[in-house]
Amino acid sequence: MGNERKLTSSKVIALIAHDHKKSELVEWAKRNKALLAPHILYATGTTGKLIEEALGQPVIKMLSGPLGGDQEIGAFIATGKIDVMVFFSDPMEMQPHDSDVRALMRLGTAWNIPMAMNEASADFIMTSPFMAGDYTIVIPDYSKYLKRKIEKD
């Protein structure tokens, strides 16, 4: 099977938004202020500043996404420091750091964390009874992958 990681009632939530989705994420956060209050919030650069100002709640801010913030969040996902990711991505705009965005989604999937990529899925996650209590996620067993034979050139 795999290892388990227990998420407590106070979860660590990463909040990320593309430029054209920042205002939408801020408005969503304001509507969900009470639900977000018991949690620890991380965000990429500008998004974090906007959310912190809108909520009056501290946000741990990374670099701007294209300057490495997406990768910082990804590292936190891979090391078990992020429990939930809310990423309002812009499906109509090509992003210069699109590979970072894909990597974030891949890491969230690999480490089995809840991810919302739009307002509706974020609403479902935030109103889930699992958000207010403990929850155990199963981390897939990657031991076979790590032990695979690597061919030399």
C-alpha atoms as a PDB file:
ATOM      1  CA  MET A   1       0.000   0.000   0.000  1.00  0.00           C
ATOM      2  CA  GLY A   2       1.843   3.097   1.190  1.00  0.00           C
ATOM      3  CA  ASN A   3       2.622   5.297   4.124  1.00  0.00           C
ATOM      4  CA  GLU A   4       0.075   7.444   5.873  1.00  0.00           C
ATOM      5  CA  ARG A   5       0.193  11.064   6.923  1.00  0.00           C
ATOM      6  CA  LYS A   6      -2.273  12.499   9.392  1.00  0.00           C
ATOM      7  CA  LEU A   7      -3.702  15.917   8.627  1.00  0.00           C
ATOM      8  CA  THR A   8      -4.887  17.698  11.768  1.00  0.00           C
ATOM      9  CA  SER A   9      -7.896  19.977  12.055  1.00  0.00           C
ATOM     10  CA  SER A  10      -5.611  22.958  11.358  1.00  0.00           C
ATOM     11  CA  LYS A  11      -4.401  22.306   7.851  1.00  0.00           C
ATOM     12  CA  VAL A  12      -1.693  24.018   5.831  1.00  0.00           C
ATOM     13  CA  ILE A  13      -3.303  25.420   2.688  1.00  0.00           C
ATOM     14  CA  ALA A  14      -1.409  26.708  -0.347  1.00  0.00           C
ATOM     15  CA  LEU A  15      -3.239  29.477  -2.238  1.00  0.00           C
ATOM     16  CA  ILE A  16      -2.082  30.231  -5.765  1.00  0.00           C
ATOM     17  CA  ALA A  17      -3.626  32.162  -8.656  1.00  0.00           C
ATOM     18  CA  HIS A  18      -2.603  33.232 -12.106  1.00  0.00           C
ATOM     19  CA  ASP A  19      -2.662  36.982 -12.756  1.00  0.00           C
ATOM     20  CA  HIS A  20      -6.134  37.025 -14.331  1.00  0.00           C
ATOM     21  CA  LYS A  21      -7.507  34.872 -11.481  1.00  0.00           C
ATOM     22  CA  LYS A  22      -6.029  36.727  -8.476  1.00  0.00           C
ATOM     23  CA  SER A  23      -9.101  38.887  -7.884  1.00  0.00           C
ATOM     24  CA  GLU A  24     -11.336  35.810  -8.148  1.00  0.00           C
ATOM     25  CA  LEU A  25      -9.234  33.974  -5.539  1.00  0.00           C
ATOM     26  CA  VAL A  26      -9.226  37.002  -3.230  1.00  0.00           C
ATOM     27  CA  GLU A  27     -13.031  37.269  -3.472  1.00  0.00           C
ATOM     28  CA  TRP A  28     -13.343  33.528  -2.809  1.00  0.00           C
ATOM     29  CA  ALA A  29     -11.045  33.839   0.226  1.00  0.00           C
ATOM     30  CA  LYS A  30     -13.119  36.749   1.582  1.00  0.00           C
ATOM     31  CA  ARG A  31     -16.313  34.680   1.240  1.00  0.00           C
ATOM     32  CA  ASN A  32     -14.564  31.808   3.026  1.00  0.00           C
ATOM     33  CA  LYS A  33     -12.778  33.911   5.656  1.00  0.00           C
ATOM     34  CA  ALA A  34     -14.311  32.019   8.602  1.00  0.00           C
ATOM     35  CA  LEU A  35     -13.485  28.638   7.051  1.00  0.00           C
ATOM     36  CA  LEU A  36      -9.887  29.692   6.332  1.00  0.00           C
ATOM     37  CA  ALA A  37      -9.288  31.257   9.779  1.00  0.00           C
ATOM     38  CA  PRO A  38      -8.241  28.081  11.657  1.00  0.00           C
ATOM     39  CA  HIS A  39      -5.752  27.083   8.959  1.00  0.00           C
ATOM     40  CA  ILE A  40      -2.188  28.097   8.123  1.00  0.00           C
ATOM     41  CA  LEU A  41      -2.034  29.819   4.761  1.00  0.00           C
ATOM     42  CA  TYR A  42       0.859  29.775   2.309  1.00  0.00           C
ATOM     43  CA  ALA A  43       0.777  31.583  -1.020  1.00  0.00           C
ATOM     44  CA  THR A  44       2.945  32.692  -3.866  1.00  0.00           C
ATOM     45  CA  GLY A  45       4.149  36.325  -3.825  1.00  0.00           C
ATOM     46  CA  THR A  46       1.533  38.843  -4.906  1.00  0.00           C
ATOM     47  CA  THR A  47      -1.352  36.461  -4.271  1.00  0.00           C
ATOM     48  CA  GLY A  48      -0.259  36.086  -0.646  1.00  0.00           C
ATOM     49  CA  LYS A  49      -0.034  39.834  -0.131  1.00  0.00           C
ATOM     50  CA  LEU A  50      -3.515  40.393  -1.582  1.00  0.00           C
ATOM     51  CA  ILE A  51      -5.079  37.610   0.511  1.00  0.00           C
ATOM     52  CA  GLU A  52      -3.343  38.742   3.694  1.00  0.00           C
ATOM     53  CA  GLU A  53      -4.683  42.278   3.201  1.00  0.00           C
ATOM     54  CA  ALA A  54      -8.197  41.038   2.355  1.00  0.00           C
ATOM     55  CA  LEU A  55      -8.477  38.623   5.290  1.00  0.00           C
ATOM     56  CA  GLY A  56      -6.387  40.336   7.943  1.00  0.00           C
ATOM     57  CA  GLN A  57      -4.865  36.886   8.521  1.00  0.00           C
ATOM     58  CA  PRO A  58      -1.148  36.151   8.211  1.00  0.00           C
ATOM     59  CA  VAL A  59      -0.083  34.437   5.003  1.00  0.00           C
ATOM     60  CA  ILE A  60       3.356  32.879   4.606  1.00  0.00           C
ATOM     61  CA  LYS A  61       4.510  34.256   1.287  1.00  0.00           C
ATOM     62  CA  MET A  62       6.807  32.558  -1.200  1.00  0.00           C
ATOM     63  CA  LEU A  63       8.423  34.164  -4.210  1.00  0.00           C
ATOM     64  CA  SER A  64       6.268  35.139  -7.158  1.00  0.00           C
ATOM     65  CA  GLY A  65       5.190  31.995  -9.038  1.00  0.00           C
ATOM     66  CA  PRO A  66       7.272  32.539 -12.185  1.00  0.00           C
ATOM     67  CA  LEU A  67      10.312  33.479 -10.074  1.00  0.00           C
ATOM     68  CA  GLY A  68      10.285  30.221  -8.131  1.00  0.00           C
ATOM     69  CA  GLY A  69       7.266  30.444  -5.833  1.00  0.00           C
ATOM     70  CA  ASP A  70       5.482  27.560  -7.574  1.00  0.00           C
ATOM     71  CA  GLN A  71       8.585  25.440  -7.074  1.00  0.00           C
ATOM     72  CA  GLU A  72       8.800  26.450  -3.405  1.00  0.00           C
ATOM     73  CA  ILE A  73       5.198  25.301  -2.907  1.00  0.00           C
ATOM     74  CA  GLY A  74       6.011  22.105  -4.816  1.00  0.00           C
ATOM     75  CA  ALA A  75       8.927  21.386  -2.485  1.00  0.00           C
ATOM     76  CA  PHE A  76       6.624  21.843   0.507  1.00  0.00           C
ATOM     77  CA  ILE A  77       4.116  19.414  -1.031  1.00  0.00           C
ATOM     78  CA  ALA A  78       6.863  16.833  -1.622  1.00  0.00           C
ATOM     79  CA  THR A  79       8.108  17.132   1.958  1.00  0.00           C
ATOM     80  CA  GLY A  80       4.646  16.863   3.527  1.00  0.00           C
ATOM     81  CA  LYS A  81       4.395  20.494   4.636  1.00  0.00           C
ATOM     82  CA  ILE A  82       1.346  21.409   2.522  1.00  0.00           C
ATOM     83  CA  ASP A  83      -1.949  19.622   3.192  1.00  0.00           C
ATOM     84  CA  VAL A  84      -4.284  21.226   0.638  1.00  0.00           C
ATOM     85  CA  MET A  85      -3.709  23.248  -2.536  1.00  0.00           C
ATOM     86  CA  VAL A  86      -6.121  25.793  -4.005  1.00  0.00           C
ATOM     87  CA  PHE A  87      -4.881  26.978  -7.389  1.00  0.00           C
ATOM     88  CA  PHE A  88      -7.080  29.217  -9.503  1.00  0.00           C
ATOM     89  CA  SER A  89      -5.470  28.729 -12.874  1.00  0.00           C
ATOM     90  CA  ASP A  90      -6.365  30.599 -16.024  1.00  0.00           C
ATOM     91  CA  PRO A  91      -7.277  28.055 -18.721  1.00  0.00           C
ATOM     92  CA  MET A  92      -7.483  30.742 -21.420  1.00  0.00           C
ATOM     93  CA  GLU A  93      -4.021  32.204 -20.994  1.00  0.00           C
ATOM     94  CA  MET A  94      -0.721  30.517 -21.816  1.00  0.00           C
ATOM     95  CA  GLN A  95       1.627  30.924 -18.861  1.00  0.00           C
ATOM     96  CA  PRO A  96       5.389  31.434 -19.272  1.00  0.00           C
ATOM     97  CA  HIS A  97       5.898  29.114 -16.320  1.00  0.00           C
ATOM     98  CA  ASP A  98       3.380  26.482 -17.479  1.00  0.00           C
ATOM     99  CA  SER A  99       5.841  23.675 -16.730  1.00  0.00           C
ATOM    100  CA  ASP A 100       5.907  24.778 -13.070  1.00  0.00           C
ATOM    101  CA  VAL A 101       2.105  24.685 -12.952  1.00  0.00           C
ATOM    102  CA  ARG A 102       2.024  21.169 -14.408  1.00  0.00           C
ATOM    103  CA  ALA A 103       4.699  20.121 -11.905  1.00  0.00           C
ATOM    104  CA  LEU A 104       2.574  21.411  -9.007  1.00  0.00           C
ATOM    105  CA  MET A 105      -0.434  19.400 -10.170  1.00  0.00           C
ATOM    106  CA  ARG A 106       1.759  16.323 -10.643  1.00  0.00           C
ATOM    107  CA  LEU A 107       3.221  16.675  -7.136  1.00  0.00           C
ATOM    108  CA  GLY A 108      -0.206  17.175  -5.573  1.00  0.00           C
ATOM    109  CA  THR A 109      -1.365  14.013  -7.299  1.00  0.00           C
ATOM    110  CA  ALA A 110       1.786  12.053  -6.423  1.00  0.00           C
ATOM    111  CA  TRP A 111       1.533  12.948  -2.721  1.00  0.00           C
ATOM    112  CA  ASN A 112      -2.263  12.507  -2.665  1.00  0.00           C
ATOM    113  CA  ILE A 113      -3.235  15.928  -1.308  1.00  0.00           C
ATOM    114  CA  PRO A 114      -6.631  17.527  -1.946  1.00  0.00           C
ATOM    115  CA  MET A 115      -6.406  20.038  -4.798  1.00  0.00           C
ATOM    116  CA  ALA A 116      -8.888  22.586  -6.062  1.00  0.00           C
ATOM    117  CA  MET A 117      -8.226  24.126  -9.443  1.00  0.00           C
ATOM    118  CA  ASN A 118     -11.327  26.324  -9.556  1.00  0.00           C
ATOM    119  CA  GLU A 119     -13.930  27.975  -7.332  1.00  0.00           C
ATOM    120  CA  ALA A 120     -16.413  25.084  -7.308  1.00  0.00           C
ATOM    121  CA  SER A 121     -13.837  22.486  -6.288  1.00  0.00           C
ATOM    122  CA  ALA A 122     -12.424  24.877  -3.659  1.00  0.00           C
ATOM    123  CA  ASP A 123     -15.925  25.286  -2.208  1.00  0.00           C
ATOM    124  CA  PHE A 124     -16.378  21.522  -2.050  1.00  0.00           C
ATOM    125  CA  ILE A 125     -13.037  21.016  -0.308  1.00  0.00           C
ATOM    126  CA  MET A 126     -13.506  23.835   2.203  1.00  0.00           C
ATOM    127  CA  THR A 127     -17.007  22.670   3.186  1.00  0.00           C
ATOM    128  CA  SER A 128     -16.033  19.023   3.507  1.00  0.00           C
ATOM    129  CA  PRO A 129     -16.317  17.671   7.058  1.00  0.00           C
ATOM    130  CA  PHE A 130     -12.716  16.487   6.652  1.00  0.00           C
ATOM    131  CA  MET A 131     -11.476  20.101   6.665  1.00  0.00           C
ATOM    132  CA  ALA A 132     -12.621  20.673  10.254  1.00  0.00           C
ATOM    133  CA  GLY A 133     -11.218  17.447  11.647  1.00  0.00           C
ATOM    134  CA  ASP A 134      -8.352  15.034  11.408  1.00  0.00           C
ATOM    135  CA  TYR A 135      -7.904  13.106   8.194  1.00  0.00           C
ATOM    136  CA  THR A 136      -5.370  10.475   7.210  1.00  0.00           C
ATOM    137  CA  ILE A 137      -4.087  10.498   3.648  1.00  0.00           C
ATOM    138  CA  VAL A 138      -2.391   7.481   2.134  1.00  0.00           C
ATOM    139  CA  ILE A 139       0.862   8.279   0.405  1.00  0.00           C
ATOM    140  CA  PRO A 140       1.444   5.849  -2.456  1.00  0.00           C
ATOM    141  CA  ASP A 141       4.347   3.445  -2.096  1.00  0.00           C
ATOM    142  CA  TYR A 142       7.072   4.580  -4.459  1.00  0.00           C
ATOM    143  CA  SER A 143       9.682   2.068  -3.257  1.00  0.00           C
ATOM    144  CA  LYS A 144       9.568   0.063  -6.506  1.00  0.00           C
ATOM    145  CA  TYR A 145      10.065   3.229  -8.494  1.00  0.00           C
ATOM    146  CA  LEU A 146      12.988   4.287  -6.308  1.00  0.00           C
ATOM    147  CA  LYS A 147      14.600   0.830  -6.582  1.00  0.00           C
ATOM    148  CA  ARG A 148      14.174   0.520 -10.346  1.00  0.00           C
ATOM    149  CA  LYS A 149      17.201  -0.370 -12.392  1.00  0.00           C
ATOM    150  CA  ILE A 150      18.734   2.615 -14.111  1.00  0.00           C
ATOM    151  CA  GLU A 151      20.487   1.843 -17.369  1.00  0.00           C
ATOM    152  CA  LYS A 152      23.801   3.499 -18.014  1.00  0.00           C
ATOM    153  CA  ASP A 153      24.614   5.010 -21.389  1.00  0.00           C
END
